Amino acid sequence: MPHRFDPTILREYDIRGIVGDTLTAADAHALGRCFAATLAAAGGKRIAVGYDGRLSSPELEAELVGGLAEGGIDVVRIGLGPTPMLYFAAATLGVDGGLMVTGSHNPPDHNGFKMVMLGKPFFGEAIQRLAATAQSLGPPANARGRIEQRSVFADYLDRIQHDYNGVRMLKVAWDPGNGATGDAITALTPVLPGDHVLINNKIDGTFPAHHPDPTVPENLVQLQETVAAQHCDLGIAFDGDGDRIGVVDAKGRILWGDQLMMILARDVLATLPGSAILADVKASQVLFDEVARLGGKPVMAPTGHSRIKALLAESGAPLAGEMSGHIFFADRYFGYDDAIYVAVRLLGILARADRSLDEMIDALPQVINTPELRLPCDEARKFKIVEEIHERLRQRGAEITAIDGVRVRSGDGWWLVRASNTQAIVVARAEAASEAGFAAVKAELAAELAASGLTLPES
C-alpha cells in the first residue's frame, strides 16, 4: 500500500532518521518493498541483508526483510556485523544487492540504511526516487521471496587476515567503541601476529564508553590513554558500523585521513607505480604533492563515500580515501570502505618497516591547518553561498578547483568552502606551510565567508 517517508530521512548517501520519530518500523517495511521493486526493475532477484548493534536494528531488519520478501525478492540474512561485512556478502554470495541496517556514527536513538545494487553504491537521485516509489506501492508480489540465514562472518575475517604481510611483532590497542566491529575484532586479533589490547569490544547499542565517531578527538581519549599505559606502537578505532577508521600513534597523536593515506599510498605505489590515488577535496595539499613525488597520479575527488567509491571503480585506481576516515582499497580487495581491512593493511606496512609510525609522521612535511570547520547555515542558503564565493573569485582570476565547493590556492596555502550534502552546514578548511601564510589564508577565507554572511570560528 502507498507509504510516505519523512523527507528528512532520504539523504545523499544513505537513509537516516531518529527511531520512533522520523524513522519507524513501517518505514523499514516500505523500504523493503521499494528496494525490491527497484531491484526487480533492474533485473535483480536476490539480496543480502545485515544489521549493526543498535537496539533498534533487529526490529528494523526484520521489517526490512519482510518488505523485500513481500516484493518478491529472495533474501539472504547475514546477521549482526559491520557494514563492510555486508558489502563482502554482496560481493561474494552471488546476490544482486545489499542492504545494511545501521546508524553508522550517529547517536544511539538514530538508525538507517546503507545500500548497494548490482555491484554499485545506491545513492543520490536513486535514494530520492524511493519517495515516489513508496507512494505508488501496490499489492504484494504474487510469489513471495524466499528467506535464508547464512553466516559470512568466518569467510569475511579469513579474507581480511589473508592480506596481512607483516614481519616484526607490534603491540596494538583496538577500540571498536562498542560498535558493530566488536565481535570481528575479538575474533580477528588472536590470529593476527603481535600483542593486542582490546577495549570497548562488547557490542552495545547504547555506546556506554563514548560516541562511536573516531573523527572527534574526545572519542579517542580512552584509546590514547590505553596506548600510553600499555606502551603500544599504535591504537586503532572504528566508527559504529566499521567503515571508518581512526588511528593514534605511540605518542598519542591522531592521524587524520589524509595522513593515513600518505602511508598507505606509499606502499601501494611501490608495487603499482604510476597509479592514480584518489582523495577528497578536504585533504591536505601535502597528500597530493606526496603522491606526485612518489610517481603516482593524485586525483582530487568530491567528498562523499558513495561518490568516491563510484569514482574509484570508474577510474581503476587502487586506493582512495577521505578525511573522514573512509578508506577504499581496490588493490587486492573489493574497492569498498572497510576499516578493519585498512587496519590490517596498515599493520602489515608497519610490521615490515624499518621505522615506527610516529617516526613516519615526524618525517612528513609540516603544515599548519584548521580542522574541518562546520558553520551552521540555512539549508536553502548553503549552496548559494558557495556559488557567490565562486563567482567573486572567478571575477578576480583566482586559482580555483570547483569539483565540490570552492578550493582556492593562495600564497603558500589553500582554503576550502563547500556545502554539506547531508546537513544544514557549510564546511570550511584552511592550510599553509608557515604561520604567516596560515594567517593570510585564514583572513582571506574569513573575508569571503563574511561577504556572504557567515562568520569563521576562531579555532
Protein backbone atom coordinates (compact mmCIF):
# COMPACT_ATOMS: atom_id res chain seq x y z
CA MET A 1 0.00 0.00 0.00
CA PRO A 2 1.19 3.57 -0.56
CA HIS A 3 3.65 4.89 2.03
CA ARG A 4 5.15 8.29 2.75
CA PHE A 5 8.72 8.63 4.09
CA ASP A 6 9.61 11.63 6.22
CA PRO A 7 11.58 13.63 3.62
CA THR A 8 14.39 14.33 6.11
CA ILE A 9 15.49 10.68 6.17
CA LEU A 10 16.25 10.36 2.45
CA ARG A 11 19.84 11.63 2.42
CA GLU A 12 22.50 11.90 -0.27
CA TYR A 13 24.42 8.73 0.64
CA ASP A 14 22.03 6.74 2.83
CA ILE A 15 18.75 6.78 4.74
CA ARG A 16 18.96 8.11 8.31
CA GLY A 17 16.47 9.15 10.96
CA ILE A 18 15.51 9.21 14.62
CA VAL A 19 13.86 5.93 15.61
CA GLY A 20 10.24 6.36 16.64
CA ASP A 21 10.19 9.90 15.29
CA THR A 22 11.30 10.33 11.69
CA LEU A 23 12.13 6.63 11.19
CA THR A 24 9.80 3.74 12.06
CA ALA A 25 9.40 0.02 11.54
CA ALA A 26 6.78 0.83 8.91
CA ASP A 27 9.45 2.80 7.03
CA ALA A 28 11.75 -0.23 7.10
CA HIS A 29 8.99 -2.45 5.68
CA ALA A 30 8.16 0.10 2.98
CA LEU A 31 11.84 0.46 2.11
CA GLY A 32 11.97 -3.31 1.60
CA ARG A 33 9.05 -3.10 -0.79
CA CYS A 34 10.54 -0.10 -2.64
CA PHE A 35 14.00 -1.60 -2.93
CA ALA A 36 12.51 -4.89 -4.11
CA ALA A 37 10.63 -3.07 -6.88
CA THR A 38 13.73 -1.09 -7.87
CA LEU A 39 15.97 -4.17 -7.86
CA ALA A 40 13.46 -6.24 -9.83
CA ALA A 41 13.14 -3.48 -12.44
CA ALA A 42 16.94 -3.60 -12.84
CA GLY A 43 16.86 -7.37 -13.33
CA GLY A 44 17.84 -8.39 -9.79
CA LYS A 45 16.28 -11.23 -7.82
CA ARG A 46 18.33 -11.81 -4.66
CA ILE A 47 19.74 -9.56 -1.91
CA ALA A 48 21.88 -9.80 1.24
CA VAL A 49 20.80 -8.02 4.43
CA GLY A 50 22.78 -7.28 7.59
CA TYR A 51 22.39 -5.14 10.71
CA ASP A 52 24.53 -3.37 13.29
CA GLY A 53 24.45 -3.46 17.11
CA ARG A 54 21.92 -0.72 17.78
CA LEU A 55 18.99 -1.61 19.98
CA SER A 56 16.50 -0.82 17.21
CA SER A 57 18.35 -2.71 14.46
CA PRO A 58 16.87 -6.23 14.92
CA GLU A 59 13.29 -4.94 14.58
CA LEU A 60 14.14 -2.75 11.60
CA GLU A 61 15.98 -5.65 9.94
CA ALA A 62 13.01 -7.99 10.40
CA GLU A 63 10.61 -5.45 8.87
CA LEU A 64 13.02 -4.73 6.02
CA VAL A 65 13.37 -8.43 5.22
CA GLY A 66 9.59 -8.84 5.32
CA GLY A 67 9.14 -6.00 2.86
CA LEU A 68 11.76 -7.39 0.49
CA ALA A 69 10.21 -10.85 0.52
CA GLU A 70 6.74 -9.34 0.07
CA GLY A 71 8.14 -7.62 -3.01
CA GLY A 72 9.19 -10.97 -4.48
CA ILE A 73 12.93 -10.74 -3.77
CA ASP A 74 14.90 -13.62 -2.23
CA VAL A 75 16.76 -12.54 0.92
CA VAL A 76 20.00 -13.82 2.47
CA ARG A 77 20.16 -12.69 6.10
CA ILE A 78 23.78 -12.49 7.26
CA GLY A 79 23.01 -11.24 10.77
CA LEU A 80 24.87 -8.87 13.10
CA GLY A 81 28.16 -7.35 11.97
CA PRO A 82 29.89 -4.32 10.47
CA THR A 83 28.74 -2.68 7.27
CA PRO A 84 31.81 -3.92 5.32
CA MET A 85 30.76 -7.50 6.13
CA LEU A 86 27.51 -6.76 4.30
CA TYR A 87 29.50 -5.33 1.39
CA PHE A 88 31.59 -8.53 1.43
CA ALA A 89 28.43 -10.63 1.30
CA ALA A 90 27.08 -8.56 -1.59
CA ALA A 91 30.37 -9.10 -3.46
CA THR A 92 30.77 -12.83 -2.82
CA LEU A 93 27.38 -14.53 -2.42
CA GLY A 94 26.18 -14.14 -5.98
CA VAL A 95 23.43 -11.72 -4.91
CA ASP A 96 22.25 -8.67 -6.82
CA GLY A 97 22.35 -6.15 -3.99
CA GLY A 98 22.83 -5.47 -0.31
CA LEU A 99 21.02 -3.58 2.44
CA MET A 100 22.59 -2.75 5.80
CA VAL A 101 20.57 -1.58 8.78
CA THR A 102 22.93 0.86 10.52
CA GLY A 103 23.04 4.20 12.26
CA SER A 104 26.77 4.45 11.50
CA HIS A 105 28.39 7.04 13.80
CA ASN A 106 25.16 8.76 14.84
CA PRO A 107 23.62 8.87 18.36
CA PRO A 108 22.05 5.70 19.84
CA ASP A 109 18.47 6.74 19.05
CA HIS A 110 19.29 7.13 15.34
CA ASN A 111 19.30 4.40 12.73
CA GLY A 112 19.19 3.99 8.98
CA PHE A 113 20.15 2.01 5.90
CA LYS A 114 23.12 1.79 3.52
CA MET A 115 22.54 0.22 0.12
CA VAL A 116 24.29 -1.34 -2.85
CA MET A 117 22.71 -2.56 -6.08
CA LEU A 118 24.23 -4.62 -8.87
CA GLY A 119 27.73 -4.06 -7.52
CA LYS A 120 27.45 -0.27 -7.27
CA PRO A 121 26.64 2.14 -4.43
CA PHE A 122 23.00 3.22 -4.32
CA PHE A 123 22.89 6.96 -3.57
CA GLY A 124 21.89 10.44 -4.71
CA GLU A 125 18.93 10.56 -7.06
CA ALA A 126 18.39 6.82 -6.68
CA ILE A 127 17.58 7.33 -2.99
CA GLN A 128 15.36 10.33 -3.71
CA ARG A 129 13.32 8.27 -6.21
CA LEU A 130 12.34 5.89 -3.41
CA ALA A 131 9.87 8.53 -2.18
CA ALA A 132 7.85 8.32 -5.40
CA THR A 133 8.13 4.52 -5.45
CA ALA A 134 6.73 4.36 -1.91
CA GLN A 135 3.71 6.46 -2.81
CA SER A 136 2.84 4.19 -5.73
CA LEU A 137 3.19 0.83 -3.98
CA GLY A 138 0.54 -1.68 -4.93
CA PRO A 139 -0.36 -5.14 -3.60
CA PRO A 140 2.42 -7.62 -2.69
CA ALA A 141 4.05 -9.69 -5.43
CA ASN A 142 2.26 -12.91 -6.41
CA ALA A 143 5.27 -15.03 -5.43
CA ARG A 144 6.80 -14.19 -2.05
CA GLY A 145 10.60 -14.17 -1.97
CA ARG A 146 12.47 -16.90 -0.10
CA ILE A 147 14.36 -16.05 3.09
CA GLU A 148 17.50 -17.86 4.20
CA GLN A 149 20.01 -17.34 7.02
CA ARG A 150 23.69 -17.56 6.12
CA SER A 151 26.75 -16.51 8.09
CA VAL A 152 29.69 -14.97 6.22
CA PHE A 153 31.50 -13.97 9.43
CA ALA A 154 34.30 -16.56 9.20
CA ASP A 155 34.82 -16.11 5.46
CA TYR A 156 34.95 -12.32 5.89
CA LEU A 157 37.62 -12.49 8.59
CA ASP A 158 39.61 -15.11 6.66
CA ARG A 159 39.66 -12.80 3.64
CA ILE A 160 40.87 -9.85 5.72
CA GLN A 161 43.54 -11.88 7.50
CA HIS A 162 44.79 -13.19 4.16
CA ASP A 163 46.32 -9.84 3.21
CA TYR A 164 48.38 -9.35 6.36
CA ASN A 165 52.05 -9.44 5.38
CA GLY A 166 53.98 -8.13 8.36
CA VAL A 167 57.36 -9.35 9.61
CA ARG A 168 58.02 -7.94 13.08
CA MET A 169 55.68 -8.01 16.07
CA LEU A 170 53.64 -4.95 17.03
CA LYS A 171 51.66 -4.07 20.13
CA VAL A 172 48.29 -2.64 19.12
CA ALA A 173 45.39 -1.18 21.08
CA TRP A 174 41.94 -1.59 19.50
CA ASP A 175 38.76 0.34 20.30
CA PRO A 176 35.60 -0.78 18.47
CA GLY A 177 33.69 1.75 20.59
CA ASN A 178 31.03 -0.88 21.46
CA GLY A 179 30.05 -0.74 17.79
CA ALA A 180 29.40 -3.43 15.21
CA THR A 181 33.09 -4.33 14.73
CA GLY A 182 33.37 -5.67 18.29
CA ASP A 183 32.87 -9.37 17.58
CA ALA A 184 35.03 -9.21 14.45
CA ILE A 185 37.98 -7.61 16.29
CA THR A 186 37.57 -10.07 19.17
CA ALA A 187 37.81 -12.97 16.70
CA LEU A 188 40.49 -11.46 14.43
CA THR A 189 43.15 -10.32 16.88
CA PRO A 190 44.01 -13.78 18.30
CA VAL A 191 45.03 -14.93 14.80
CA LEU A 192 46.99 -11.77 13.93
CA PRO A 193 50.68 -11.71 14.91
CA GLY A 194 51.63 -9.34 17.71
CA ASP A 195 50.25 -8.31 21.09
CA HIS A 196 46.72 -6.91 21.08
CA VAL A 197 44.90 -4.90 23.73
CA LEU A 198 41.13 -4.60 23.29
CA ILE A 199 38.82 -2.06 24.90
CA ASN A 200 35.09 -1.49 24.37
CA ASN A 201 34.82 -4.58 22.18
CA LYS A 202 31.47 -5.75 23.54
CA ILE A 203 28.74 -4.69 21.10
CA ASP A 204 26.35 -2.40 22.97
CA GLY A 205 23.92 -0.14 21.14
CA THR A 206 23.87 2.37 24.00
CA PHE A 207 27.61 3.11 23.40
CA PRO A 208 28.43 3.38 27.12
CA ALA A 209 32.12 4.26 26.74
CA HIS A 210 31.95 7.09 24.21
CA HIS A 211 30.28 8.15 20.98
CA PRO A 212 31.41 5.89 18.07
CA ASP A 213 32.94 8.55 15.82
CA PRO A 214 36.75 8.44 15.51
CA THR A 215 36.94 11.82 13.75
CA VAL A 216 36.08 13.58 17.04
CA PRO A 217 39.22 13.88 19.23
CA GLU A 218 37.38 13.43 22.53
CA ASN A 219 36.21 10.00 21.37
CA LEU A 220 39.84 8.87 21.06
CA VAL A 221 40.94 9.90 24.57
CA GLN A 222 40.41 6.43 26.06
CA LEU A 223 42.37 4.87 23.20
CA GLN A 224 45.20 7.39 23.65
CA GLU A 225 45.32 6.58 27.38
CA THR A 226 45.43 2.85 26.62
CA VAL A 227 48.26 3.27 24.10
CA ALA A 228 50.28 5.21 26.69
CA ALA A 229 49.54 2.91 29.64
CA GLN A 230 50.20 -0.30 27.68
CA HIS A 231 53.18 1.10 25.72
CA CYS A 232 51.57 0.25 22.40
CA ASP A 233 53.00 1.01 18.97
CA LEU A 234 49.66 2.45 17.88
CA GLY A 235 45.93 2.46 18.55
CA ILE A 236 43.08 1.80 16.11
CA ALA A 237 39.45 2.88 16.48
CA PHE A 238 36.31 2.37 14.41
CA ASP A 239 33.03 4.14 13.94
CA GLY A 240 29.73 2.49 14.85
CA ASP A 241 29.47 0.33 11.74
CA GLY A 242 33.13 -0.19 10.85
CA ASP A 243 33.51 1.61 7.55
CA ARG A 244 35.63 4.46 9.02
CA ILE A 245 38.94 4.20 10.83
CA GLY A 246 40.74 6.33 13.40
CA VAL A 247 44.43 5.90 14.29
CA VAL A 248 46.70 7.27 17.02
CA ASP A 249 50.48 6.80 17.12
CA ALA A 250 52.67 5.80 20.07
CA LYS A 251 52.83 9.44 21.17
CA GLY A 252 49.05 9.66 21.24
CA ARG A 253 48.81 11.88 18.18
CA ILE A 254 45.75 11.47 15.97
CA LEU A 255 46.37 10.59 12.32
CA TRP A 256 43.73 12.19 10.14
CA GLY A 257 42.53 10.52 6.97
CA ASP A 258 44.95 12.35 4.67
CA GLN A 259 47.98 11.47 6.84
CA LEU A 260 46.96 7.82 6.88
CA MET A 261 46.52 7.93 3.12
CA MET A 262 50.14 9.10 2.67
CA ILE A 263 51.41 5.96 4.41
CA LEU A 264 49.06 3.66 2.51
CA ALA A 265 49.71 5.34 -0.85
CA ARG A 266 53.47 5.00 -0.47
CA ASP A 267 53.07 1.23 -0.04
CA VAL A 268 50.62 0.85 -2.93
CA LEU A 269 52.73 2.91 -5.32
CA ALA A 270 55.79 0.79 -4.52
CA THR A 271 54.07 -2.19 -6.16
CA LEU A 272 51.81 -0.32 -8.60
CA PRO A 273 53.96 2.58 -9.80
CA GLY A 274 52.24 5.38 -11.67
CA SER A 275 48.78 4.54 -10.31
CA ALA A 276 46.10 7.11 -9.62
CA ILE A 277 45.38 7.78 -5.95
CA LEU A 278 42.07 9.47 -5.10
CA ALA A 279 41.45 11.75 -2.13
CA ASP A 280 38.60 14.08 -1.30
CA VAL A 281 38.69 17.85 -1.71
CA LYS A 282 39.19 18.39 2.04
CA ALA A 283 42.53 16.55 2.09
CA SER A 284 45.85 18.28 2.71
CA GLN A 285 47.86 19.50 -0.26
CA VAL A 286 50.72 17.54 1.27
CA LEU A 287 48.95 14.30 0.31
CA PHE A 288 48.50 15.29 -3.33
CA ASP A 289 52.11 16.54 -3.53
CA GLU A 290 53.41 13.37 -1.87
CA VAL A 291 51.55 11.10 -4.31
CA ALA A 292 53.04 13.07 -7.22
CA ARG A 293 56.52 12.92 -5.66
CA LEU A 294 56.21 9.14 -5.40
CA GLY A 295 55.35 8.92 -9.09
CA GLY A 296 51.61 8.45 -8.67
CA LYS A 297 48.77 10.45 -10.17
CA PRO A 298 46.97 12.46 -7.47
CA VAL A 299 43.25 12.88 -8.18
CA MET A 300 41.14 15.31 -6.17
CA ALA A 301 37.61 13.94 -5.76
CA PRO A 302 34.30 15.20 -4.37
CA THR A 303 33.59 14.45 -0.72
CA GLY A 304 31.17 11.59 -0.01
CA HIS A 305 31.91 7.89 0.47
CA SER A 306 29.41 6.78 -2.19
CA ARG A 307 30.78 9.26 -4.72
CA ILE A 308 34.39 8.26 -4.12
CA LYS A 309 33.53 4.56 -4.22
CA ALA A 310 31.88 5.02 -7.61
CA LEU A 311 34.77 7.13 -8.91
CA LEU A 312 37.29 4.54 -7.72
CA ALA A 313 35.51 1.83 -9.71
CA GLU A 314 35.27 4.02 -12.81
CA SER A 315 38.93 5.09 -12.70
CA GLY A 316 40.50 1.74 -11.93
CA ALA A 317 42.61 3.36 -9.18
CA PRO A 318 43.92 1.03 -6.46
CA LEU A 319 43.32 3.34 -3.47
CA ALA A 320 41.09 6.21 -2.39
CA GLY A 321 40.29 7.96 0.85
CA GLU A 322 38.51 10.72 2.69
CA MET A 323 39.42 12.96 5.61
CA SER A 324 36.51 11.34 7.45
CA GLY A 325 38.35 8.00 7.63
CA HIS A 326 36.57 6.22 4.78
CA ILE A 327 39.45 4.39 3.01
CA PHE A 328 38.88 2.26 -0.11
CA PHE A 329 41.28 -0.45 -1.28
CA ALA A 330 40.81 -1.84 -4.79
CA ASP A 331 44.38 -3.15 -4.65
CA ARG A 332 43.93 -6.84 -3.70
CA TYR A 333 40.46 -6.07 -2.32
CA PHE A 334 36.93 -5.16 -3.43
CA GLY A 335 37.06 -1.34 -3.57
CA TYR A 336 34.64 -0.62 -0.74
CA ASP A 337 35.35 1.18 2.55
CA ASP A 338 36.35 -1.41 5.15
CA ALA A 339 38.11 -0.05 8.22
CA ILE A 340 39.11 -3.47 9.57
CA TYR A 341 40.78 -4.32 6.25
CA VAL A 342 42.52 -0.94 6.22
CA ALA A 343 43.77 -1.62 9.74
CA VAL A 344 45.27 -4.97 8.70
CA ARG A 345 46.95 -3.42 5.64
CA LEU A 346 48.36 -0.64 7.85
CA LEU A 347 49.70 -3.15 10.38
CA GLY A 348 51.36 -5.08 7.56
CA ILE A 349 53.10 -1.92 6.37
CA LEU A 350 54.29 -1.01 9.87
CA ALA A 351 55.42 -4.55 10.64
CA ARG A 352 57.65 -4.52 7.52
CA ALA A 353 59.01 -1.02 8.01
CA ASP A 354 62.37 -0.05 9.47
CA ARG A 355 60.83 2.85 11.41
CA SER A 356 57.84 3.35 13.67
CA LEU A 357 54.55 5.02 12.83
CA ASP A 358 55.43 8.10 14.86
CA GLU A 359 58.75 8.37 13.01
CA MET A 360 56.85 8.21 9.72
CA ILE A 361 54.60 11.04 10.88
CA ASP A 362 57.55 13.11 12.05
CA ALA A 363 59.09 12.79 8.57
CA LEU A 364 56.05 14.18 6.76
CA PRO A 365 56.16 17.82 5.56
CA GLN A 366 54.89 20.01 8.37
CA VAL A 367 51.96 22.32 7.64
CA ILE A 368 49.52 24.34 9.74
CA ASN A 369 45.84 23.75 9.17
CA THR A 370 42.40 24.05 10.65
CA PRO A 371 40.26 21.06 11.44
CA GLU A 372 37.10 20.66 9.40
CA LEU A 373 35.15 23.79 10.38
CA ARG A 374 31.37 23.28 10.31
CA LEU A 375 29.38 26.51 10.05
CA PRO A 376 25.61 26.28 10.65
CA CYS A 377 23.74 27.59 7.63
CA ASP A 378 20.17 27.56 6.39
CA GLU A 379 19.53 24.57 4.11
CA ALA A 380 18.16 26.80 1.37
CA ARG A 381 21.15 29.15 1.57
CA LYS A 382 24.21 26.88 1.83
CA PHE A 383 24.73 26.12 -1.88
CA LYS A 384 24.02 29.74 -2.80
CA ILE A 385 26.84 30.90 -0.52
CA VAL A 386 29.30 28.65 -2.33
CA GLU A 387 28.07 29.99 -5.68
CA GLU A 388 28.54 33.59 -4.52
CA ILE A 389 32.09 32.94 -3.34
CA HIS A 390 32.93 31.11 -6.55
CA GLU A 391 31.68 33.99 -8.69
CA ARG A 392 33.64 36.61 -6.74
CA LEU A 393 36.82 34.55 -7.05
CA ARG A 394 36.24 33.88 -10.73
CA GLN A 395 35.96 37.57 -11.42
CA ARG A 396 39.27 38.15 -9.61
CA GLY A 397 41.00 35.41 -11.59
CA ALA A 398 41.79 33.25 -8.56
CA GLU A 399 43.21 29.71 -8.92
CA ILE A 400 40.10 27.63 -8.20
CA THR A 401 39.21 23.93 -8.04
CA ALA A 402 35.43 23.61 -8.16
CA ILE A 403 34.72 19.88 -8.25
CA ASP A 404 33.00 20.09 -4.84
CA GLY A 405 32.53 23.58 -3.47
CA VAL A 406 35.42 26.02 -3.93
CA ARG A 407 39.06 25.15 -3.14
CA VAL A 408 41.46 28.06 -3.68
CA ARG A 409 45.26 28.10 -3.92
CA SER A 410 46.57 31.23 -2.19
CA GLY A 411 50.19 32.09 -1.37
CA ASP A 412 51.82 29.07 0.25
CA GLY A 413 48.47 27.51 1.18
CA TRP A 414 44.85 26.91 0.27
CA TRP A 415 41.35 27.20 1.65
CA LEU A 416 38.07 25.45 1.00
CA VAL A 417 34.35 26.22 1.28
CA ARG A 418 31.76 23.57 0.42
CA ALA A 419 28.11 22.94 1.24
CA SER A 420 27.39 19.70 3.09
CA ASN A 421 25.20 17.26 1.18
CA THR A 422 23.78 15.80 4.38
CA GLN A 423 23.43 18.64 6.91
CA ALA A 424 22.48 22.32 7.12
CA ILE A 425 26.10 23.45 7.31
CA VAL A 426 28.86 24.98 5.22
CA VAL A 427 32.24 23.28 5.63
CA ALA A 428 35.46 25.30 5.61
CA ARG A 429 39.13 24.39 5.93
CA ALA A 430 42.45 26.23 5.51
CA GLU A 431 46.11 25.18 5.36
CA ALA A 432 49.51 26.77 4.81
CA ALA A 433 53.19 25.94 5.13
CA SER A 434 54.05 28.84 7.50
CA GLU A 435 52.48 30.81 10.35
CA ALA A 436 52.38 33.97 8.24
CA GLY A 437 50.88 32.10 5.29
CA PHE A 438 48.30 30.46 7.52
CA ALA A 439 47.21 33.81 8.95
CA ALA A 440 46.88 35.24 5.44
CA VAL A 441 44.91 32.26 4.13
CA LYS A 442 42.56 32.29 7.11
CA ALA A 443 42.00 36.04 6.72
CA GLU A 444 41.11 35.55 3.06
CA LEU A 445 38.72 32.73 3.93
CA ALA A 446 37.11 34.78 6.71
CA ALA A 447 36.61 37.76 4.38
CA GLU A 448 34.89 35.65 1.72
CA LEU A 449 32.60 34.00 4.26
CA ALA A 450 31.76 37.37 5.81
CA ALA A 451 30.85 38.78 2.39
CA SER A 452 28.17 36.06 2.21
CA GLY A 453 27.00 36.46 5.79
CA LEU A 454 28.95 33.72 7.62
CA THR A 455 31.49 34.12 10.43
CA LEU A 456 34.64 31.98 10.56
CA PRO A 457 35.17 30.48 14.04
CA GLU A 458 38.35 31.43 15.90
CA SER A 459 39.69 27.86 16.15
